[in-house]
N, C-alpha and C. Protein backbone atom coordinates (compact mmCIF):
# COMPACT_ATOMS: atom_id res chain seq x y z
N MET A 1 -40.97 5.62 -35.99
CA MET A 1 -41.86 6.35 -35.11
C MET A 1 -42.37 7.59 -35.84
N LYS A 2 -43.69 7.72 -35.91
CA LYS A 2 -44.29 8.87 -36.58
C LYS A 2 -44.01 10.13 -35.77
N THR A 3 -43.47 11.15 -36.46
CA THR A 3 -43.04 12.37 -35.77
C THR A 3 -43.60 13.61 -36.45
N VAL A 4 -44.13 14.52 -35.64
CA VAL A 4 -44.58 15.81 -36.13
C VAL A 4 -43.77 16.91 -35.43
N ILE A 5 -43.34 17.87 -36.23
CA ILE A 5 -42.68 19.07 -35.71
C ILE A 5 -43.67 20.20 -35.90
N ALA A 6 -44.17 20.74 -34.80
CA ALA A 6 -45.14 21.83 -34.87
C ALA A 6 -44.40 23.14 -34.64
N ILE A 7 -44.49 24.02 -35.61
CA ILE A 7 -43.87 25.35 -35.49
C ILE A 7 -45.01 26.33 -35.25
N ILE A 8 -45.01 26.90 -34.05
CA ILE A 8 -46.12 27.78 -33.66
C ILE A 8 -45.59 29.17 -33.32
N GLY A 9 -46.46 30.15 -33.43
CA GLY A 9 -46.08 31.51 -33.08
C GLY A 9 -47.01 32.53 -33.70
N ASN A 10 -46.79 33.75 -33.33
CA ASN A 10 -47.60 34.88 -33.79
C ASN A 10 -47.51 35.02 -35.31
N SER A 11 -48.46 35.72 -35.88
CA SER A 11 -48.43 36.00 -37.31
C SER A 11 -47.16 36.77 -37.68
N CYS A 12 -46.62 36.45 -38.83
CA CYS A 12 -45.46 37.16 -39.40
C CYS A 12 -44.18 37.00 -38.58
N ILE A 13 -44.08 35.97 -37.80
CA ILE A 13 -42.91 35.80 -36.94
C ILE A 13 -41.80 35.01 -37.62
N GLY A 14 -42.13 34.31 -38.72
CA GLY A 14 -41.12 33.56 -39.46
C GLY A 14 -41.38 32.06 -39.50
N LYS A 15 -42.58 31.64 -39.17
CA LYS A 15 -42.91 30.21 -39.18
C LYS A 15 -42.70 29.60 -40.56
N SER A 16 -43.17 30.28 -41.59
CA SER A 16 -43.06 29.75 -42.96
C SER A 16 -41.61 29.61 -43.39
N THR A 17 -40.80 30.60 -43.07
CA THR A 17 -39.39 30.56 -43.44
C THR A 17 -38.68 29.38 -42.77
N ILE A 18 -38.91 29.22 -41.49
CA ILE A 18 -38.26 28.12 -40.76
C ILE A 18 -38.77 26.77 -41.25
N ALA A 19 -40.08 26.67 -41.48
CA ALA A 19 -40.66 25.42 -41.98
C ALA A 19 -40.06 25.06 -43.34
N ARG A 20 -39.90 26.06 -44.22
CA ARG A 20 -39.34 25.82 -45.55
C ARG A 20 -37.90 25.33 -45.45
N ILE A 21 -37.09 26.00 -44.63
CA ILE A 21 -35.69 25.61 -44.47
C ILE A 21 -35.60 24.20 -43.89
N LEU A 22 -36.40 23.94 -42.88
CA LEU A 22 -36.40 22.63 -42.25
C LEU A 22 -36.83 21.55 -43.25
N SER A 23 -37.82 21.84 -44.06
CA SER A 23 -38.27 20.90 -45.07
C SER A 23 -37.18 20.64 -46.11
N GLU A 24 -36.51 21.70 -46.55
CA GLU A 24 -35.42 21.55 -47.52
C GLU A 24 -34.29 20.69 -46.95
N ASN A 25 -34.00 20.85 -45.66
CA ASN A 25 -32.90 20.12 -45.03
C ASN A 25 -33.26 18.67 -44.70
N THR A 26 -34.52 18.40 -44.43
CA THR A 26 -34.91 17.07 -43.97
C THR A 26 -35.73 16.27 -44.98
N GLY A 27 -36.37 16.97 -45.90
CA GLY A 27 -37.28 16.31 -46.83
C GLY A 27 -38.67 16.10 -46.27
N PHE A 28 -38.93 16.56 -45.04
CA PHE A 28 -40.25 16.41 -44.42
C PHE A 28 -41.23 17.37 -45.09
N PRO A 29 -42.45 16.92 -45.35
CA PRO A 29 -43.44 17.82 -45.94
C PRO A 29 -43.94 18.84 -44.92
N VAL A 30 -44.32 20.02 -45.41
CA VAL A 30 -44.87 21.08 -44.57
C VAL A 30 -46.38 21.14 -44.77
N TYR A 31 -47.09 21.21 -43.66
CA TYR A 31 -48.53 21.38 -43.67
C TYR A 31 -48.85 22.70 -42.98
N ASP A 32 -49.31 23.66 -43.77
CA ASP A 32 -49.62 25.00 -43.28
C ASP A 32 -51.14 25.13 -43.21
N ILE A 33 -51.67 25.35 -42.03
CA ILE A 33 -53.12 25.41 -41.87
C ILE A 33 -53.74 26.48 -42.76
N GLN A 34 -53.02 27.56 -43.03
CA GLN A 34 -53.57 28.62 -43.87
C GLN A 34 -53.92 28.11 -45.27
N GLN A 35 -53.12 27.19 -45.80
CA GLN A 35 -53.42 26.62 -47.12
C GLN A 35 -54.74 25.86 -47.11
N TYR A 36 -55.06 25.25 -45.98
CA TYR A 36 -56.30 24.49 -45.88
C TYR A 36 -57.51 25.40 -45.65
N TYR A 37 -57.31 26.53 -44.99
CA TYR A 37 -58.39 27.52 -44.87
C TYR A 37 -58.80 28.00 -46.26
N ASP A 38 -57.80 28.20 -47.10
CA ASP A 38 -58.07 28.70 -48.44
C ASP A 38 -58.82 27.69 -49.32
N LYS A 39 -58.81 26.42 -48.94
CA LYS A 39 -59.43 25.36 -49.74
C LYS A 39 -60.88 25.06 -49.36
N VAL A 40 -61.34 25.58 -48.21
CA VAL A 40 -62.68 25.22 -47.75
C VAL A 40 -63.62 26.42 -47.75
N ASP A 41 -64.90 26.12 -47.85
CA ASP A 41 -65.93 27.15 -47.79
C ASP A 41 -66.38 27.32 -46.35
N GLY A 42 -67.10 28.38 -46.11
CA GLY A 42 -67.66 28.63 -44.79
C GLY A 42 -67.07 29.87 -44.16
N VAL A 43 -67.51 30.14 -42.94
CA VAL A 43 -67.02 31.30 -42.20
C VAL A 43 -66.80 30.89 -40.75
N GLY A 44 -65.96 31.64 -40.07
CA GLY A 44 -65.76 31.47 -38.65
C GLY A 44 -65.31 30.08 -38.24
N HIS A 45 -65.88 29.61 -37.13
CA HIS A 45 -65.47 28.34 -36.54
C HIS A 45 -65.76 27.16 -37.46
N SER A 46 -66.85 27.24 -38.21
CA SER A 46 -67.20 26.17 -39.15
C SER A 46 -66.10 25.98 -40.20
N LYS A 47 -65.63 27.08 -40.73
CA LYS A 47 -64.55 27.02 -41.74
C LYS A 47 -63.28 26.49 -41.10
N GLU A 48 -62.99 26.92 -39.89
CA GLU A 48 -61.79 26.47 -39.19
C GLU A 48 -61.82 24.95 -38.98
N LEU A 49 -62.95 24.43 -38.54
CA LEU A 49 -63.07 22.98 -38.32
C LEU A 49 -62.90 22.19 -39.62
N LYS A 50 -63.48 22.70 -40.70
CA LYS A 50 -63.34 22.04 -42.00
C LYS A 50 -61.87 22.03 -42.44
N ALA A 51 -61.19 23.14 -42.23
CA ALA A 51 -59.77 23.23 -42.62
C ALA A 51 -58.93 22.24 -41.82
N TRP A 52 -59.15 22.17 -40.51
CA TRP A 52 -58.38 21.23 -39.68
C TRP A 52 -58.70 19.79 -40.04
N ASP A 53 -59.95 19.51 -40.39
CA ASP A 53 -60.32 18.15 -40.79
C ASP A 53 -59.60 17.77 -42.09
N LEU A 54 -59.57 18.69 -43.03
CA LEU A 54 -58.88 18.46 -44.30
C LEU A 54 -57.39 18.26 -44.08
N LEU A 55 -56.80 19.09 -43.25
CA LEU A 55 -55.38 18.94 -42.93
C LEU A 55 -55.12 17.59 -42.24
N GLY A 56 -55.98 17.22 -41.29
CA GLY A 56 -55.82 15.95 -40.59
C GLY A 56 -55.84 14.77 -41.54
N ASN A 57 -56.75 14.79 -42.52
CA ASN A 57 -56.81 13.72 -43.51
C ASN A 57 -55.56 13.68 -44.38
N ALA A 58 -54.99 14.83 -44.66
CA ALA A 58 -53.79 14.89 -45.49
C ALA A 58 -52.54 14.43 -44.73
N ILE A 59 -52.48 14.73 -43.45
CA ILE A 59 -51.26 14.50 -42.67
C ILE A 59 -51.22 13.13 -41.98
N LYS A 60 -52.37 12.48 -41.82
CA LYS A 60 -52.45 11.30 -40.95
C LYS A 60 -51.58 10.12 -41.39
N ASN A 61 -51.25 10.00 -42.65
CA ASN A 61 -50.44 8.88 -43.11
C ASN A 61 -48.96 9.22 -43.25
N CYS A 62 -48.58 10.41 -42.84
CA CYS A 62 -47.17 10.83 -42.91
C CYS A 62 -46.36 10.19 -41.79
N HIS A 63 -45.17 9.77 -42.13
CA HIS A 63 -44.26 9.27 -41.11
C HIS A 63 -43.60 10.44 -40.38
N TYR A 64 -43.26 11.48 -41.13
CA TYR A 64 -42.70 12.72 -40.60
C TYR A 64 -43.46 13.88 -41.22
N ALA A 65 -43.70 14.92 -40.44
CA ALA A 65 -44.39 16.09 -40.97
C ALA A 65 -44.01 17.33 -40.17
N ILE A 66 -44.08 18.46 -40.85
CA ILE A 66 -43.89 19.77 -40.22
C ILE A 66 -45.25 20.46 -40.27
N LEU A 67 -45.76 20.85 -39.12
CA LEU A 67 -47.04 21.55 -39.04
C LEU A 67 -46.77 23.01 -38.68
N GLU A 68 -47.25 23.89 -39.54
CA GLU A 68 -47.09 25.33 -39.31
C GLU A 68 -48.46 25.90 -38.97
N SER A 69 -48.59 26.43 -37.74
CA SER A 69 -49.87 26.99 -37.31
C SER A 69 -49.67 27.94 -36.14
N SER A 70 -50.78 28.51 -35.68
CA SER A 70 -50.68 29.46 -34.57
C SER A 70 -50.37 28.76 -33.25
N GLY A 71 -50.87 27.54 -33.09
CA GLY A 71 -50.71 26.85 -31.82
C GLY A 71 -51.79 27.20 -30.82
N LEU A 72 -52.78 27.96 -31.24
CA LEU A 72 -53.79 28.47 -30.31
C LEU A 72 -55.12 27.72 -30.33
N THR A 73 -55.26 26.69 -31.15
CA THR A 73 -56.56 26.02 -31.24
C THR A 73 -56.51 24.61 -30.66
N ASP A 74 -57.65 24.12 -30.27
CA ASP A 74 -57.76 22.75 -29.76
C ASP A 74 -57.52 21.73 -30.87
N GLU A 75 -57.77 22.11 -32.10
CA GLU A 75 -57.62 21.18 -33.22
C GLU A 75 -56.17 20.74 -33.41
N GLU A 76 -55.24 21.57 -33.01
CA GLU A 76 -53.82 21.16 -33.12
C GLU A 76 -53.54 19.94 -32.24
N GLN A 77 -54.17 19.89 -31.09
CA GLN A 77 -53.99 18.73 -30.21
C GLN A 77 -54.45 17.45 -30.89
N THR A 78 -55.52 17.54 -31.67
CA THR A 78 -56.01 16.38 -32.41
C THR A 78 -54.98 15.91 -33.43
N ILE A 79 -54.35 16.87 -34.10
CA ILE A 79 -53.30 16.52 -35.08
C ILE A 79 -52.13 15.87 -34.36
N TYR A 80 -51.71 16.43 -33.24
CA TYR A 80 -50.57 15.87 -32.49
C TYR A 80 -50.81 14.40 -32.13
N LYS A 81 -52.05 14.05 -31.83
CA LYS A 81 -52.37 12.68 -31.42
C LYS A 81 -52.22 11.67 -32.55
N LEU A 82 -52.13 12.14 -33.79
CA LEU A 82 -51.91 11.24 -34.92
C LEU A 82 -50.48 10.73 -34.98
N PHE A 83 -49.61 11.29 -34.15
CA PHE A 83 -48.18 10.98 -34.20
C PHE A 83 -47.71 10.39 -32.88
N ASP A 84 -46.68 9.55 -32.96
CA ASP A 84 -46.09 8.94 -31.76
C ASP A 84 -45.24 9.95 -31.00
N LYS A 85 -44.58 10.82 -31.75
CA LYS A 85 -43.66 11.78 -31.15
C LYS A 85 -44.01 13.16 -31.71
N ARG A 86 -43.94 14.17 -30.84
CA ARG A 86 -44.17 15.54 -31.30
C ARG A 86 -43.09 16.44 -30.72
N LEU A 87 -42.70 17.41 -31.50
CA LEU A 87 -41.75 18.43 -31.06
C LEU A 87 -42.42 19.76 -31.34
N ILE A 88 -42.77 20.48 -30.27
CA ILE A 88 -43.44 21.77 -30.44
C ILE A 88 -42.39 22.87 -30.31
N VAL A 89 -42.25 23.65 -31.36
CA VAL A 89 -41.27 24.72 -31.43
C VAL A 89 -42.02 26.05 -31.41
N LYS A 90 -41.81 26.81 -30.36
CA LYS A 90 -42.49 28.10 -30.21
C LYS A 90 -41.54 29.21 -30.61
N LEU A 91 -42.02 30.08 -31.50
CA LEU A 91 -41.24 31.24 -31.93
C LEU A 91 -41.79 32.48 -31.23
N ILE A 92 -40.88 33.25 -30.67
CA ILE A 92 -41.28 34.51 -30.04
C ILE A 92 -40.46 35.63 -30.66
N HIS A 93 -40.89 36.85 -30.44
CA HIS A 93 -40.20 38.04 -30.95
C HIS A 93 -40.32 39.11 -29.88
N THR A 94 -39.20 39.55 -29.37
CA THR A 94 -39.24 40.51 -28.26
C THR A 94 -39.46 41.95 -28.71
N ASN A 95 -39.38 42.21 -30.01
CA ASN A 95 -39.59 43.57 -30.51
C ASN A 95 -40.97 43.64 -31.18
N THR A 96 -41.97 44.03 -30.41
CA THR A 96 -43.35 44.06 -30.91
C THR A 96 -43.50 45.04 -32.07
N PHE A 97 -42.82 46.18 -32.01
CA PHE A 97 -42.92 47.18 -33.08
C PHE A 97 -42.48 46.58 -34.41
N MET A 98 -41.36 45.84 -34.41
CA MET A 98 -40.87 45.24 -35.65
C MET A 98 -41.86 44.20 -36.18
N LEU A 99 -42.45 43.45 -35.29
CA LEU A 99 -43.43 42.45 -35.68
C LEU A 99 -44.67 43.11 -36.27
N VAL A 100 -45.09 44.23 -35.71
CA VAL A 100 -46.24 44.98 -36.24
C VAL A 100 -45.93 45.46 -37.66
N GLN A 101 -44.71 45.93 -37.88
CA GLN A 101 -44.33 46.39 -39.22
C GLN A 101 -44.41 45.25 -40.24
N ARG A 102 -43.92 44.07 -39.87
CA ARG A 102 -43.98 42.91 -40.77
C ARG A 102 -45.44 42.53 -41.04
N TYR A 103 -46.26 42.61 -40.01
CA TYR A 103 -47.67 42.26 -40.15
C TYR A 103 -48.37 43.25 -41.08
N LYS A 104 -48.06 44.52 -40.95
CA LYS A 104 -48.65 45.54 -41.83
C LYS A 104 -48.27 45.29 -43.28
N GLU A 105 -47.01 44.90 -43.51
CA GLU A 105 -46.57 44.59 -44.88
C GLU A 105 -47.37 43.42 -45.44
N LYS A 106 -47.58 42.39 -44.62
CA LYS A 106 -48.35 41.23 -45.07
C LYS A 106 -49.78 41.63 -45.37
N LEU A 107 -50.39 42.41 -44.50
CA LEU A 107 -51.78 42.84 -44.71
C LEU A 107 -51.91 43.69 -45.97
N SER A 108 -50.92 44.53 -46.25
CA SER A 108 -51.00 45.38 -47.44
C SER A 108 -50.98 44.54 -48.71
N ARG A 109 -50.27 43.42 -48.70
CA ARG A 109 -50.25 42.52 -49.86
C ARG A 109 -51.57 41.78 -50.00
N MET A 110 -52.31 41.67 -48.89
CA MET A 110 -53.58 40.94 -48.89
C MET A 110 -54.76 41.88 -49.12
N GLU A 111 -54.49 43.16 -49.39
CA GLU A 111 -55.52 44.16 -49.68
C GLU A 111 -56.50 44.35 -48.53
N PHE A 112 -55.98 44.41 -47.31
CA PHE A 112 -56.82 44.71 -46.15
C PHE A 112 -57.12 46.20 -46.14
N PRO A 113 -58.25 46.57 -45.56
CA PRO A 113 -58.58 48.01 -45.46
C PRO A 113 -57.48 48.77 -44.71
N LEU A 114 -57.17 49.95 -45.19
CA LEU A 114 -56.11 50.76 -44.63
C LEU A 114 -56.32 51.06 -43.15
N GLU A 115 -57.57 51.25 -42.73
CA GLU A 115 -57.81 51.58 -41.32
C GLU A 115 -57.39 50.45 -40.38
N ILE A 116 -57.44 49.20 -40.84
CA ILE A 116 -56.99 48.09 -40.00
C ILE A 116 -55.48 48.17 -39.80
N MET A 117 -54.77 48.48 -40.87
CA MET A 117 -53.31 48.52 -40.78
C MET A 117 -52.81 49.72 -39.98
N GLN A 118 -53.54 50.83 -39.98
CA GLN A 118 -53.10 52.02 -39.28
C GLN A 118 -53.56 52.04 -37.82
N SER A 119 -54.39 51.13 -37.48
CA SER A 119 -54.98 51.12 -36.16
C SER A 119 -53.97 50.73 -35.08
N GLY A 120 -54.07 51.39 -33.92
CA GLY A 120 -53.27 51.01 -32.78
C GLY A 120 -53.69 49.65 -32.24
N HIS A 121 -54.85 49.19 -32.71
CA HIS A 121 -55.34 47.89 -32.27
C HIS A 121 -54.43 46.76 -32.74
N LEU A 122 -53.78 46.93 -33.87
CA LEU A 122 -52.87 45.90 -34.38
C LEU A 122 -51.72 45.67 -33.40
N TYR A 123 -51.16 46.75 -32.90
CA TYR A 123 -50.09 46.66 -31.90
C TYR A 123 -50.59 45.95 -30.65
N ASP A 124 -51.78 46.35 -30.19
CA ASP A 124 -52.36 45.72 -28.99
C ASP A 124 -52.65 44.25 -29.22
N LEU A 125 -53.16 43.91 -30.41
CA LEU A 125 -53.46 42.52 -30.73
C LEU A 125 -52.20 41.65 -30.68
N ILE A 126 -51.15 42.12 -31.29
CA ILE A 126 -49.90 41.35 -31.31
C ILE A 126 -49.32 41.22 -29.91
N ARG A 127 -49.37 42.28 -29.13
CA ARG A 127 -48.89 42.20 -27.73
C ARG A 127 -49.73 41.22 -26.92
N MET A 128 -51.05 41.25 -27.12
CA MET A 128 -51.93 40.33 -26.40
C MET A 128 -51.62 38.89 -26.77
N ARG A 129 -51.47 38.63 -28.08
CA ARG A 129 -51.16 37.27 -28.52
C ARG A 129 -49.78 36.83 -28.01
N ALA A 130 -48.83 37.75 -27.94
CA ALA A 130 -47.50 37.41 -27.42
C ALA A 130 -47.59 36.93 -25.98
N LYS A 131 -48.46 37.55 -25.20
CA LYS A 131 -48.65 37.13 -23.80
C LYS A 131 -49.25 35.72 -23.73
N ILE A 132 -50.14 35.42 -24.66
CA ILE A 132 -50.72 34.07 -24.71
C ILE A 132 -49.65 33.06 -25.07
N TYR A 133 -48.80 33.40 -26.04
CA TYR A 133 -47.74 32.49 -26.46
C TYR A 133 -46.77 32.18 -25.33
N GLU A 134 -46.54 33.15 -24.47
CA GLU A 134 -45.64 32.92 -23.33
C GLU A 134 -46.10 31.73 -22.49
N LYS A 135 -47.40 31.51 -22.43
CA LYS A 135 -47.97 30.47 -21.57
C LYS A 135 -48.13 29.12 -22.27
N LEU A 136 -48.00 29.10 -23.58
CA LEU A 136 -48.21 27.85 -24.31
C LEU A 136 -47.08 26.86 -24.05
N GLU A 137 -47.46 25.60 -23.96
CA GLU A 137 -46.51 24.52 -23.79
C GLU A 137 -45.67 24.35 -25.06
N SER A 138 -44.38 24.11 -24.89
CA SER A 138 -43.52 23.86 -26.04
C SER A 138 -42.27 23.10 -25.58
N ASP A 139 -41.60 22.49 -26.55
CA ASP A 139 -40.37 21.76 -26.27
C ASP A 139 -39.14 22.63 -26.50
N LEU A 140 -39.25 23.53 -27.47
CA LEU A 140 -38.17 24.47 -27.77
C LEU A 140 -38.77 25.85 -27.94
N VAL A 141 -38.03 26.87 -27.53
CA VAL A 141 -38.46 28.26 -27.70
C VAL A 141 -37.30 29.04 -28.31
N PHE A 142 -37.60 29.81 -29.35
CA PHE A 142 -36.58 30.64 -29.99
C PHE A 142 -37.09 32.06 -30.14
N ASP A 143 -36.25 33.01 -29.80
CA ASP A 143 -36.53 34.41 -30.05
C ASP A 143 -35.95 34.72 -31.43
N VAL A 144 -36.81 34.94 -32.40
CA VAL A 144 -36.36 35.12 -33.78
C VAL A 144 -35.56 36.41 -33.98
N GLN A 145 -35.62 37.28 -33.01
CA GLN A 145 -34.82 38.49 -33.09
C GLN A 145 -33.37 38.19 -32.72
N LYS A 146 -33.15 37.13 -31.95
CA LYS A 146 -31.81 36.82 -31.45
C LYS A 146 -31.12 35.70 -32.21
N ILE A 147 -31.88 34.85 -32.88
CA ILE A 147 -31.30 33.73 -33.61
C ILE A 147 -31.98 33.62 -34.97
N GLY A 148 -31.21 33.45 -36.01
CA GLY A 148 -31.74 33.42 -37.36
C GLY A 148 -32.43 32.12 -37.72
N ALA A 149 -33.18 32.16 -38.80
CA ALA A 149 -33.98 31.02 -39.24
C ALA A 149 -33.12 29.79 -39.53
N GLU A 150 -31.98 29.97 -40.18
CA GLU A 150 -31.09 28.83 -40.50
C GLU A 150 -30.63 28.14 -39.22
N ASN A 151 -30.26 28.92 -38.23
CA ASN A 151 -29.79 28.34 -36.97
C ASN A 151 -30.92 27.68 -36.19
N ILE A 152 -32.11 28.25 -36.26
CA ILE A 152 -33.26 27.62 -35.61
C ILE A 152 -33.53 26.27 -36.24
N ALA A 153 -33.51 26.21 -37.57
CA ALA A 153 -33.73 24.94 -38.28
C ALA A 153 -32.68 23.91 -37.87
N LYS A 154 -31.42 24.32 -37.76
CA LYS A 154 -30.36 23.39 -37.35
C LYS A 154 -30.59 22.86 -35.94
N GLU A 155 -31.02 23.74 -35.04
CA GLU A 155 -31.30 23.32 -33.65
C GLU A 155 -32.44 22.30 -33.62
N ILE A 156 -33.46 22.53 -34.44
CA ILE A 156 -34.59 21.59 -34.49
C ILE A 156 -34.11 20.24 -35.04
N GLU A 157 -33.30 20.28 -36.09
CA GLU A 157 -32.77 19.04 -36.66
C GLU A 157 -31.96 18.25 -35.64
N LEU A 158 -31.16 18.95 -34.85
CA LEU A 158 -30.39 18.28 -33.80
C LEU A 158 -31.32 17.63 -32.78
N LYS A 159 -32.37 18.32 -32.42
CA LYS A 159 -33.30 17.81 -31.41
C LYS A 159 -34.02 16.55 -31.90
N ILE A 160 -34.43 16.53 -33.18
CA ILE A 160 -35.17 15.37 -33.66
C ILE A 160 -34.26 14.19 -33.98
N SER A 161 -32.96 14.43 -34.11
CA SER A 161 -32.05 13.33 -34.41
C SER A 161 -31.62 12.59 -33.15
N LEU A 162 -31.97 13.11 -31.98
CA LEU A 162 -31.57 12.46 -30.72
C LEU A 162 -32.33 11.17 -30.49
């Protein structure tokens, strides 16, 4: 049975870490939408659609796959339909301040303008997205502040082995 494990959540919440650990433990390949954004030309929605199309072509023949993405786009539903079984794992973080700090560190490595990183808008953006994540459908939910990445990966492995 073709199975996809979708790891969704806010930026800088630990999706990549959990996907990597899960991949190391299971041998399942990881498909990170960000890698596909980097491979296509365009801007805005056009670029997003091209990236999802490229990812869909890469993932469609996989028997097992780990999808790392925000979980906020309609294109993810299209990817899910390529599989017989899906497990959606939502990551949350109850400490918004700590998440903002991690996000600022990531942005500084990406050479974003300083005013974006110092803006109070970043805190508001992450809080707003957190509220959206609360409403998203998922099979498992983990607060990354309360449970570590290794343990989250083990819980996911137990769920898919049932």
